[in-house]
């Protein structure tokens, strides 16, 4: 049999439940713009009804309802979309870093332009062409020296920028590594907090949102796999375990490099940074070094004009030129080792026996030349008359030799080097090209790689945005929907309050009015 106060309890439950719904609606509205927040709902169930007590069915109505209860407050979240987002986000992080690196490389190379390396190389060839017209002209020699110094400075500066970019990428890996360790530590702590709260029977909705947001951020840095276990998230990167319950495995650079080499690390921003550093930046450092090394010492075939007098002891094509054999009786095609070797075939105005190596490294050697240390021979910098232009000498009465300073044979050969095909593969002969064409191919390759990275990053960003849009359609807060819910729950609360007032009036009549007939 129902209690006299049964209706009052029913109204109370309705008030408390709708108040919980209103509070939850307000919580949703407050966090409409909070990143990672999932919409929450109050799950309402009818409370346990009152059964009629007795051995047989009572004449009183049985299964009398007792109102409503808020059984739980849960967040709206779809795990499938979370996993899909994280799988796509790791690739997006990879392509974003690659595109950023290639864009910076394009800025460093700065081609095509009027101020890039191609321009200073062209100016270098042009200065030799001008000098060949008047090889005795001091101004022409100064121009060759200055244009050469401008070219080697451009190589040095570009190499320094590439080295700085490589160092920046390495530093970025270390920063992101610290971020990964910080995130995994926070996720492990949240695993413990969530387990504690939910062990008491509640849903740790906001804590779960924080954990999922951190997991999303982690997916942009490294490729991860997430398993929701009894003790919290278990997160792995390939075969490397990052989080297990409240335990974490802190990554260091050695572990990261091992994971990169083994394939455990195969996507994400960190993978993209390491790949960009080792593949793109290091690759273009190698290309620039190869260009410089080949200009200085690479092998190429050239035809020396008839009447040229080679310096004593010159060795070309395994033939040693000495004595009277030094004078070429016909046009002779020989293999020369770079502009250094070519310059050593001629004579300077300073009366040297032979030209000096044209390029050296910063230590004065010629075998270790690269883009970062190439320089014009310091002796030539100190005295531009040491630039060799002549390949002719005359024998004096006393048997000594004097340079024919007006001869321009070597200067002409230098000016023709613009169109000479040099071996860029260290004597294999499989990659012969002009200096200009080789550099154009490097710039073209960079352009193609950047265009491809742009395409991949754009497509991947579209996919990530689509998945995120679908996820927000499920988990995101709609202010229109929440306002509708607010009105609905407000009316329900008002109705429950009116119901309680009605019951209060009934009870007042029962308590204060019954038994007072005629009074």
Protein backbone atom coordinates (compact mmCIF):
# COMPACT_ATOMS: atom_id res chain seq x y z
CA UNK A 1 0.00 0.00 0.00
CA UNK A 2 1.37 3.42 -0.92
CA UNK A 3 2.55 5.77 1.78
CA UNK A 4 0.77 9.00 2.49
CA UNK A 5 4.00 10.78 1.59
CA UNK A 6 4.65 8.68 -1.55
CA UNK A 7 3.82 11.50 -3.96
CA UNK A 8 6.16 13.85 -2.12
CA UNK A 9 9.07 11.45 -2.64
CA UNK A 10 8.20 11.05 -6.30
CA UNK A 11 8.21 14.81 -6.81
CA UNK A 12 11.52 15.10 -4.95
CA UNK A 13 13.18 12.57 -7.24
CA UNK A 14 11.90 14.44 -10.28
CA UNK A 15 13.30 17.72 -8.94
CA UNK A 16 16.73 16.25 -8.21
CA UNK A 17 16.96 14.42 -11.55
CA UNK A 18 15.92 17.39 -13.66
CA UNK A 19 18.27 19.60 -11.64
CA UNK A 20 21.11 17.22 -12.50
CA UNK A 21 20.08 17.44 -16.16
CA UNK A 22 20.06 21.25 -16.00
CA UNK A 23 23.49 21.31 -14.32
CA UNK A 24 24.88 18.95 -16.98
CA UNK A 25 23.40 21.12 -19.72
CA UNK A 26 25.08 24.15 -18.18
CA UNK A 27 28.37 22.20 -18.04
CA UNK A 28 28.04 21.41 -21.76
CA UNK A 29 27.34 25.04 -22.65
CA UNK A 30 30.29 26.22 -20.57
CA UNK A 31 32.64 23.87 -22.45
CA UNK A 32 31.22 24.38 -25.94
CA UNK A 33 34.60 25.74 -27.09
CA UNK A 34 36.83 23.60 -24.86
CA UNK A 35 39.24 21.56 -27.00
CA UNK A 36 38.76 17.83 -26.50
CA UNK A 37 35.52 18.17 -24.53
CA UNK A 38 32.82 15.56 -25.16
CA UNK A 39 29.13 16.31 -24.73
CA UNK A 40 27.65 14.75 -21.57
CA UNK A 41 24.13 13.49 -20.97
CA UNK A 42 22.19 12.40 -17.88
CA UNK A 43 20.79 8.92 -18.29
CA UNK A 44 17.35 8.80 -16.64
CA UNK A 45 15.57 5.62 -15.58
CA UNK A 46 12.29 5.00 -13.85
CA UNK A 47 12.93 4.24 -10.19
CA UNK A 48 11.89 0.90 -8.73
CA UNK A 49 8.09 0.69 -8.40
CA UNK A 50 6.18 -0.27 -5.26
CA UNK A 51 4.86 -3.84 -5.30
CA UNK A 52 1.58 -4.72 -3.56
CA UNK A 53 2.46 -6.70 -0.44
CA UNK A 54 0.42 -9.82 0.40
CA UNK A 55 -0.04 -13.54 -0.19
CA UNK A 56 -2.50 -12.83 -2.89
CA UNK A 57 -3.01 -9.89 -5.14
CA UNK A 58 -4.18 -6.87 -3.26
CA UNK A 59 -7.15 -4.90 -4.41
CA UNK A 60 -4.83 -1.89 -4.39
CA UNK A 61 -3.06 -0.98 -7.59
CA UNK A 62 0.28 -2.77 -7.80
CA UNK A 63 3.57 -1.70 -9.37
CA UNK A 64 2.96 1.87 -8.36
CA UNK A 65 5.63 4.07 -9.91
CA UNK A 66 8.02 5.98 -7.69
CA UNK A 67 9.37 8.53 -10.15
CA UNK A 68 12.68 8.96 -11.93
CA UNK A 69 16.37 8.62 -11.07
CA UNK A 70 19.59 9.75 -12.76
CA UNK A 71 21.34 6.43 -13.17
CA UNK A 72 24.55 7.93 -14.63
CA UNK A 73 26.15 10.85 -16.42
CA UNK A 74 28.03 9.70 -19.49
CA UNK A 75 29.93 11.38 -22.30
CA UNK A 76 29.04 10.83 -25.95
CA UNK A 77 32.11 9.39 -27.64
CA UNK A 78 32.74 6.93 -30.48
CA UNK A 79 35.95 4.90 -30.19
CA UNK A 80 36.00 4.04 -33.88
CA UNK A 81 36.25 7.71 -34.84
CA UNK A 82 38.93 8.27 -32.18
CA UNK A 83 41.05 5.46 -33.62
CA UNK A 84 40.48 6.69 -37.17
CA UNK A 85 41.48 10.23 -36.22
CA UNK A 86 44.69 9.07 -34.57
CA UNK A 87 45.63 6.89 -37.53
CA UNK A 88 45.18 9.79 -39.93
CA UNK A 89 46.70 12.39 -37.60
CA UNK A 90 50.05 10.58 -37.44
CA UNK A 91 50.39 10.74 -41.24
CA UNK A 92 49.34 14.37 -41.21
CA UNK A 93 52.06 15.16 -38.67
CA UNK A 94 54.64 13.44 -40.88
CA UNK A 95 53.68 15.22 -44.12
CA UNK A 96 53.32 18.59 -42.38
CA UNK A 97 56.92 18.45 -41.14
CA UNK A 98 58.20 17.25 -44.51
CA UNK A 99 56.41 20.09 -46.31
CA UNK A 100 57.73 22.62 -43.82
CA UNK A 101 61.29 21.35 -44.26
CA UNK A 102 61.09 21.37 -48.05
CA UNK A 103 59.64 24.89 -48.00
CA UNK A 104 62.60 26.02 -45.91
CA UNK A 105 64.96 24.29 -48.35
CA UNK A 106 63.35 26.18 -51.21
CA UNK A 107 63.97 29.41 -49.31
CA UNK A 108 67.61 28.50 -48.77
CA UNK A 109 68.23 27.45 -52.38
CA UNK A 110 66.26 30.51 -53.56
CA UNK A 111 65.90 29.44 -57.17
CA UNK A 112 64.97 30.62 -59.70
CA UNK A 113 66.07 34.13 -58.77
CA UNK A 114 68.51 36.85 -59.72
CA UNK A 115 70.44 36.47 -56.47
CA UNK A 116 70.83 32.70 -56.15
CA UNK A 117 73.68 30.28 -56.82
CA UNK A 118 72.89 29.96 -60.52
CA UNK A 119 73.43 33.69 -60.94
CA UNK A 120 76.83 33.75 -59.22
CA UNK A 121 77.96 30.68 -61.19
CA UNK A 122 76.88 32.41 -64.40
CA UNK A 123 78.74 35.56 -63.36
CA UNK A 124 81.82 33.41 -62.72
CA UNK A 125 81.78 31.99 -66.26
CA UNK A 126 81.09 35.45 -67.72
CA UNK A 127 84.07 36.95 -65.93
CA UNK A 128 86.36 34.37 -67.53
CA UNK A 129 84.83 35.11 -70.93
CA UNK A 130 85.53 38.81 -70.45
CA UNK A 131 89.08 38.09 -69.27
CA UNK A 132 89.77 35.94 -72.34
CA UNK A 133 89.26 39.04 -74.52
CA UNK A 134 92.07 40.89 -72.78
CA UNK A 135 94.09 38.49 -70.61
CA UNK A 136 96.63 41.15 -69.63
CA UNK A 137 93.95 43.43 -68.21
CA UNK A 138 94.37 43.86 -64.43
CA UNK A 139 90.75 44.90 -64.00
CA UNK A 140 89.57 41.73 -65.72
CA UNK A 141 91.62 39.63 -63.31
CA UNK A 142 90.17 41.54 -60.36
CA UNK A 143 86.68 40.85 -61.70
CA UNK A 144 87.44 37.12 -61.98
CA UNK A 145 88.78 37.10 -58.44
CA UNK A 146 85.78 38.98 -57.05
CA UNK A 147 83.22 36.87 -58.93
CA UNK A 148 84.96 33.71 -57.76
CA UNK A 149 84.92 34.91 -54.18
CA UNK A 150 81.23 35.79 -54.53
CA UNK A 151 80.54 32.28 -55.83
CA UNK A 152 82.43 30.48 -53.05
CA UNK A 153 80.78 32.77 -50.48
CA UNK A 154 77.40 31.74 -51.86
CA UNK A 155 78.37 28.08 -51.54
CA UNK A 156 79.66 28.64 -48.00
CA UNK A 157 76.56 30.55 -46.91
CA UNK A 158 74.16 28.01 -48.42
CA UNK A 159 76.06 25.16 -46.78
CA UNK A 160 75.90 26.98 -43.45
CA UNK A 161 72.15 27.48 -43.80
CA UNK A 162 71.68 23.81 -44.62
CA UNK A 163 73.81 22.87 -41.61
CA UNK A 164 71.78 25.19 -39.39
CA UNK A 165 68.54 23.68 -40.68
CA UNK A 166 69.87 20.20 -39.95
CA UNK A 167 70.80 21.27 -36.41
CA UNK A 168 67.36 22.86 -35.95
CA UNK A 169 65.66 19.63 -36.97
CA UNK A 170 67.79 17.66 -34.53
CA UNK A 171 66.88 20.09 -31.78
CA UNK A 172 63.22 19.83 -32.78
CA UNK A 173 63.39 16.05 -32.41
CA UNK A 174 64.75 16.47 -28.88
CA UNK A 175 62.00 18.98 -28.00
CA UNK A 176 59.28 16.70 -29.37
CA UNK A 177 60.85 13.78 -27.53
CA UNK A 178 60.49 15.68 -24.25
CA UNK A 179 56.88 16.42 -25.21
CA UNK A 180 56.20 12.73 -25.83
CA UNK A 181 57.62 11.79 -22.42
CA UNK A 182 55.58 14.54 -20.76
CA UNK A 183 52.38 13.40 -22.47
CA UNK A 184 52.86 9.72 -21.65
CA UNK A 185 53.53 10.61 -18.00
CA UNK A 186 50.30 12.64 -17.87
CA UNK A 187 48.32 9.84 -19.51
CA UNK A 188 49.65 7.34 -16.97
CA UNK A 189 48.63 9.67 -14.13
CA UNK A 190 45.16 10.08 -15.63
CA UNK A 191 44.88 6.29 -15.92
CA UNK A 192 45.34 6.10 -12.17
CA UNK A 193 42.89 8.92 -11.43
CA UNK A 194 40.23 7.48 -13.74
CA UNK A 195 40.57 4.05 -12.20
CA UNK A 196 40.22 5.53 -8.70
CA UNK A 197 37.11 7.58 -9.56
CA UNK A 198 35.38 4.87 -11.52
CA UNK A 199 36.18 2.33 -8.83
CA UNK A 200 33.65 4.24 -6.70
CA UNK A 201 30.96 3.77 -9.33
CA UNK A 202 31.12 7.17 -11.09
CA UNK A 203 32.07 8.01 -14.68
CA UNK A 204 35.26 10.12 -14.89
CA UNK A 205 34.02 11.94 -18.00
CA UNK A 206 36.19 15.05 -17.79
CA UNK A 207 39.28 13.05 -16.90
CA UNK A 208 38.66 10.76 -19.87
CA UNK A 209 38.35 13.79 -22.12
CA UNK A 210 41.72 15.06 -20.89
CA UNK A 211 43.29 11.66 -21.51
CA UNK A 212 41.86 11.43 -25.01
CA UNK A 213 43.04 14.94 -25.86
CA UNK A 214 46.58 14.06 -24.77
CA UNK A 215 46.36 10.83 -26.76
CA UNK A 216 45.30 12.80 -29.84
CA UNK A 217 48.29 15.11 -29.39
CA UNK A 218 50.57 12.10 -28.98
CA UNK A 219 49.25 10.59 -32.23
CA UNK A 220 50.49 13.67 -34.10
CA UNK A 221 54.03 13.10 -32.81
CA UNK A 222 54.50 9.34 -33.17
CA UNK A 223 52.53 6.42 -34.55
CA UNK A 224 50.62 4.85 -31.67
CA UNK A 225 48.18 2.05 -31.01
CA UNK A 226 45.74 2.51 -28.13
CA UNK A 227 44.07 -0.27 -26.14
CA UNK A 228 41.52 0.53 -23.44
CA UNK A 229 42.18 -2.00 -20.68
CA UNK A 230 40.89 -2.43 -17.14
CA UNK A 231 43.79 -0.45 -15.68
CA UNK A 232 43.59 2.31 -18.30
CA UNK A 233 45.08 2.96 -21.73
CA UNK A 234 47.89 0.81 -23.02
CA UNK A 235 49.77 2.76 -25.68
CA UNK A 236 52.43 1.24 -27.93
CA UNK A 237 54.61 2.55 -30.75
CA UNK A 238 55.22 -0.48 -32.92
CA UNK A 239 56.87 -2.94 -30.57
CA UNK A 240 57.80 -0.23 -28.07
CA UNK A 241 55.45 0.14 -25.10
CA UNK A 242 54.95 3.75 -24.02
CA UNK A 243 52.17 3.49 -21.41
CA UNK A 244 50.78 0.55 -19.46
CA UNK A 245 48.33 1.60 -16.76
CA UNK A 246 50.21 3.93 -14.44
CA UNK A 247 53.64 2.86 -15.76
CA UNK A 248 55.53 4.63 -18.55
CA UNK A 249 58.66 3.89 -20.56
CA UNK A 250 60.61 7.11 -21.03
CA UNK A 251 62.09 7.49 -24.50
CA UNK A 252 65.60 8.78 -25.20
CA UNK A 253 67.38 9.59 -28.45
CA UNK A 254 69.05 6.20 -28.63
CA UNK A 255 65.73 4.39 -28.26
CA UNK A 256 64.15 6.74 -30.79
CA UNK A 257 66.89 6.17 -33.38
CA UNK A 258 66.61 2.42 -32.86
CA UNK A 259 62.84 2.59 -33.31
CA UNK A 260 63.32 4.66 -36.49
CA UNK A 261 65.80 2.16 -37.91
CA UNK A 262 63.66 -0.86 -37.01
CA UNK A 263 60.41 0.60 -38.32
CA UNK A 264 58.69 0.86 -34.93
CA UNK A 265 58.69 4.61 -35.52
CA UNK A 266 57.19 5.02 -38.98
CA UNK A 267 54.97 8.10 -38.87
CA UNK A 268 54.16 11.23 -36.91
CA UNK A 269 55.94 14.57 -36.61
CA UNK A 270 59.06 13.06 -35.01
CA UNK A 271 59.42 10.51 -37.80
CA UNK A 272 58.88 13.29 -40.37
CA UNK A 273 61.55 15.43 -38.69
CA UNK A 274 64.15 12.65 -38.64
CA UNK A 275 63.29 11.63 -42.21
CA UNK A 276 63.45 15.23 -43.43
CA UNK A 277 66.80 15.76 -41.73
CA UNK A 278 68.43 12.55 -42.95
CA UNK A 279 66.82 12.37 -46.39
CA UNK A 280 66.06 15.87 -47.60
CA UNK A 281 68.50 18.17 -45.80
CA UNK A 282 71.38 15.71 -45.71
CA UNK A 283 70.64 14.83 -49.33
CA UNK A 284 70.88 18.43 -50.51
CA UNK A 285 74.01 18.99 -48.45
CA UNK A 286 75.45 16.03 -50.35
CA UNK A 287 74.27 17.40 -53.69
CA UNK A 288 75.81 20.80 -53.02
CA UNK A 289 79.06 19.18 -51.87
CA UNK A 290 79.11 17.04 -55.01
CA UNK A 291 78.61 20.13 -57.18
CA UNK A 292 81.49 21.95 -55.49
CA UNK A 293 83.80 18.92 -55.40
CA UNK A 294 83.16 18.23 -59.07
CA UNK A 295 83.81 21.82 -60.11
CA UNK A 296 87.11 21.75 -58.25
CA UNK A 297 88.36 18.23 -58.96
CA UNK A 298 85.87 16.33 -61.13
CA UNK A 299 87.04 14.68 -64.32
CA UNK A 300 86.14 16.08 -67.73
CA UNK A 301 87.49 15.84 -71.26
CA UNK A 302 88.85 18.93 -72.94
CA UNK A 303 90.76 19.63 -76.15
CA UNK A 304 93.98 21.55 -75.66
CA UNK A 305 94.89 23.73 -78.68
CA UNK A 306 97.89 23.03 -80.88
CA UNK A 307 101.00 24.93 -79.79
CA UNK A 308 100.16 24.86 -76.10
CA UNK A 309 103.19 24.38 -73.86
CA UNK A 310 102.37 22.31 -70.81
CA UNK A 311 104.19 22.90 -67.52
CA UNK A 312 107.15 20.63 -66.84
CA UNK A 313 106.13 17.24 -65.44
CA UNK A 314 102.43 17.53 -66.30
CA UNK A 315 100.72 14.11 -66.35
CA UNK A 316 97.64 13.75 -68.55
CA UNK A 317 96.04 10.44 -69.59
CA UNK A 318 99.01 8.64 -68.00
CA UNK A 319 101.42 10.57 -70.23
CA UNK A 320 104.12 12.68 -68.61
CA UNK A 321 105.00 15.83 -70.53
CA UNK A 322 108.60 16.94 -70.12
CA UNK A 323 111.29 18.68 -72.10
CA UNK A 324 110.51 19.27 -75.75
CA UNK A 325 107.47 16.98 -75.53
CA UNK A 326 105.68 19.68 -73.55
CA UNK A 327 104.71 21.51 -76.75
CA UNK A 328 101.57 20.06 -78.34
CA UNK A 329 101.96 19.55 -82.09
CA UNK A 330 98.24 19.10 -82.65
CA UNK A 331 94.96 19.60 -80.85
CA UNK A 332 94.96 17.08 -78.04
CA UNK A 333 91.95 15.82 -76.09
CA UNK A 334 92.83 14.95 -72.51
CA UNK A 335 91.07 14.24 -69.23
CA UNK A 336 91.53 16.97 -66.64
CA UNK A 337 90.63 16.90 -62.96
CA UNK A 338 88.37 19.87 -62.37
CA UNK A 339 89.03 23.57 -62.61
CA UNK A 340 91.99 23.05 -60.31
CA UNK A 341 93.60 20.71 -62.81
CA UNK A 342 92.75 22.99 -65.71
CA UNK A 343 94.22 26.05 -64.01
CA UNK A 344 97.46 24.19 -63.35
CA UNK A 345 97.94 23.68 -67.10
CA UNK A 346 98.54 27.39 -67.71
CA UNK A 347 100.84 30.22 -66.71
CA UNK A 348 100.16 33.42 -64.81
CA UNK A 349 101.43 36.96 -65.28
CA UNK A 350 103.51 36.52 -62.14
CA UNK A 351 105.89 34.28 -64.07
CA UNK A 352 105.14 31.10 -62.13
CA UNK A 353 106.20 27.83 -63.68
CA UNK A 354 102.58 26.70 -63.65
CA UNK A 355 99.22 27.84 -62.42
CA UNK A 356 98.24 27.11 -58.82
CA UNK A 357 95.19 25.08 -57.82
CA UNK A 358 92.35 27.55 -58.31
CA UNK A 359 90.26 26.36 -55.35
CA UNK A 360 91.33 25.13 -51.92
CA UNK A 361 89.57 24.26 -48.72
CA UNK A 362 89.78 26.50 -45.65
CA UNK A 363 92.91 24.63 -44.53
CA UNK A 364 94.67 25.14 -47.84
CA UNK A 365 94.21 21.58 -49.17
CA UNK A 366 92.51 20.47 -52.35
CA UNK A 367 91.26 16.94 -51.63
CA UNK A 368 88.74 17.76 -48.89
CA UNK A 369 86.89 20.55 -50.67
CA UNK A 370 83.15 20.82 -49.98
CA UNK A 371 80.51 23.54 -50.10
CA UNK A 372 81.19 24.60 -46.55
CA UNK A 373 84.96 25.11 -46.84
CA UNK A 374 85.66 25.90 -50.50
CA UNK A 375 87.59 29.10 -51.05
CA UNK A 376 89.60 30.79 -53.74
CA UNK A 377 93.29 29.96 -53.35
CA UNK A 378 94.57 32.48 -50.75
CA UNK A 379 97.65 33.15 -52.89
CA UNK A 380 95.42 34.29 -55.76
CA UNK A 381 93.38 36.42 -53.37
CA UNK A 382 96.60 38.14 -52.34
CA UNK A 383 97.78 38.56 -55.94
CA UNK A 384 95.32 38.42 -58.83
CA UNK A 385 98.26 38.18 -61.28
CA UNK A 386 98.52 34.53 -60.21
CA UNK A 387 95.36 33.80 -62.21
CA UNK A 388 96.61 31.73 -65.15
CA UNK A 389 95.35 32.66 -68.61
CA UNK A 390 98.21 31.74 -70.97
CA UNK A 391 99.32 28.36 -72.30
CA UNK A 392 102.27 29.67 -74.33
CA UNK A 393 105.89 30.40 -73.39
CA UNK A 394 108.96 31.47 -75.32
CA UNK A 395 112.51 30.26 -74.74
CA UNK A 396 115.03 32.98 -73.99
CA UNK A 397 118.65 33.05 -75.14
CA UNK A 398 119.79 31.82 -71.76
CA UNK A 399 117.45 28.83 -71.97
CA UNK A 400 114.89 30.24 -69.55
CA UNK A 401 111.25 30.57 -70.47
CA UNK A 402 108.98 33.61 -70.41
CA UNK A 403 105.21 33.56 -70.43
CA UNK A 404 103.42 35.04 -73.40
CA UNK A 405 101.13 37.15 -71.28
CA UNK A 406 98.88 38.11 -74.16
CA UNK A 407 97.95 34.50 -74.88
CA UNK A 408 94.38 33.70 -73.81
CA UNK A 409 94.24 29.95 -74.49
CA UNK A 410 93.53 28.94 -70.89
CA UNK A 411 91.09 31.80 -70.30
CA UNK A 412 89.13 30.65 -73.36
CA UNK A 413 89.08 27.09 -72.06
CA UNK A 414 87.79 28.36 -68.70
CA UNK A 415 85.03 30.35 -70.39
CA UNK A 416 84.03 27.21 -72.34
CA UNK A 417 83.65 25.24 -69.12
CA UNK A 418 80.08 26.57 -68.89
CA UNK A 419 79.13 24.04 -71.58
CA UNK A 420 81.60 21.28 -70.67
CA UNK A 421 80.17 18.03 -69.33
CA UNK A 422 81.88 16.96 -66.10
CA UNK A 423 81.67 13.55 -64.46
CA UNK A 424 79.60 13.96 -61.29
CA UNK A 425 79.95 10.32 -60.25
CA UNK A 426 83.63 10.11 -59.36
CA UNK A 427 84.98 8.62 -62.55
CA UNK A 428 82.13 6.23 -63.39
CA UNK A 429 81.16 8.29 -66.41
CA UNK A 430 77.47 7.55 -65.80
CA UNK A 431 76.50 11.06 -64.76
CA UNK A 432 78.21 13.55 -67.04
CA UNK A 433 76.61 16.96 -67.08
CA UNK A 434 77.41 20.63 -67.17
CA UNK A 435 77.62 22.47 -63.87
CA UNK A 436 74.59 24.59 -64.73
CA UNK A 437 72.51 21.62 -65.86
CA UNK A 438 73.42 19.63 -62.76
CA UNK A 439 72.39 22.47 -60.46
CA UNK A 440 69.15 22.92 -62.42
CA UNK A 441 68.39 19.23 -61.93
CA UNK A 442 68.91 19.62 -58.18
CA UNK A 443 66.58 22.62 -58.07
CA UNK A 444 64.04 20.78 -60.23
CA UNK A 445 64.15 17.78 -57.93
CA UNK A 446 63.50 20.05 -54.95
CA UNK A 447 60.54 21.59 -56.72
CA UNK A 448 59.01 18.20 -57.52
CA UNK A 449 59.51 16.98 -53.96
CA UNK A 450 57.90 20.11 -52.54
CA UNK A 451 54.94 19.83 -54.90
CA UNK A 452 54.45 16.18 -53.93
CA UNK A 453 54.72 16.98 -50.22
CA UNK A 454 52.18 19.78 -50.67
CA UNK A 455 49.78 17.41 -52.40
CA UNK A 456 50.17 14.73 -49.74
CA UNK A 457 49.84 17.16 -46.83
CA UNK A 458 46.79 18.84 -48.37
CA UNK A 459 45.05 15.52 -48.98
CA UNK A 460 45.92 14.24 -45.52
CA UNK A 461 44.69 17.45 -43.87
CA UNK A 462 41.39 17.07 -45.69
CA UNK A 463 41.03 13.52 -44.37
CA UNK A 464 41.88 14.60 -40.81
CA UNK A 465 39.39 17.47 -41.02
CA UNK A 466 36.69 15.12 -42.31
CA UNK A 467 37.23 12.63 -39.49
CA UNK A 468 37.33 15.44 -36.92
CA UNK A 469 34.11 16.86 -38.36
CA UNK A 470 32.42 13.49 -38.00
CA UNK A 471 33.77 13.17 -34.49
CA UNK A 472 32.48 16.62 -33.56
CA UNK A 473 29.08 15.79 -34.98
CA UNK A 474 28.94 12.98 -32.43
CA UNK A 475 30.83 14.40 -29.44
CA UNK A 476 30.72 18.14 -29.96
CA UNK A 477 28.40 20.51 -28.10
CA UNK A 478 25.56 22.00 -30.15
CA UNK A 479 24.41 25.20 -28.46
CA UNK A 480 21.05 24.98 -30.22
CA UNK A 481 20.48 21.48 -28.88
CA UNK A 482 21.62 22.45 -25.40
CA UNK A 483 19.30 25.46 -25.33
CA UNK A 484 16.42 23.20 -26.35
CA UNK A 485 17.35 20.77 -23.59
CA UNK A 486 17.57 23.62 -21.10
CA UNK A 487 14.00 24.71 -21.88
CA UNK A 488 12.81 21.11 -21.74
CA UNK A 489 14.42 20.41 -18.38
CA UNK A 490 13.33 23.78 -17.02
CA UNK A 491 9.71 22.99 -17.80
CA UNK A 492 10.14 19.54 -16.27
CA UNK A 493 11.59 21.10 -13.12
CA UNK A 494 8.76 23.62 -12.90
CA UNK A 495 6.21 20.87 -13.35
CA UNK A 496 7.83 18.77 -10.63
CA UNK A 497 7.86 21.76 -8.31
CA UNK A 498 4.16 22.39 -9.04
CA UNK A 499 3.48 18.72 -8.37
CA UNK A 500 5.23 18.97 -5.02
CA UNK A 501 3.19 22.09 -4.18
CA UNK A 502 0.01 20.21 -5.02
CA UNK A 503 0.98 17.29 -2.79
CA UNK A 504 1.90 19.71 -0.03
CA UNK A 505 -1.61 21.20 -0.22
CA UNK A 506 -3.15 17.71 -0.03
CA UNK A 507 -1.07 16.82 2.98
CA UNK A 508 -2.01 20.11 4.62
CA UNK A 509 -5.69 19.21 4.20
CA UNK A 510 -5.11 15.70 5.56
CA UNK A 511 -3.10 16.86 8.54
CA UNK A 512 -4.86 20.05 9.44
CA UNK A 513 -8.36 19.65 8.06
CA UNK A 514 -9.47 16.04 8.62
CA UNK A 515 -11.45 15.31 11.86
CA UNK A 516 -12.62 18.87 12.20
CA UNK A 517 -16.10 18.51 10.68
CA UNK A 518 -18.53 21.03 12.06
CA UNK A 519 -15.89 23.03 13.81
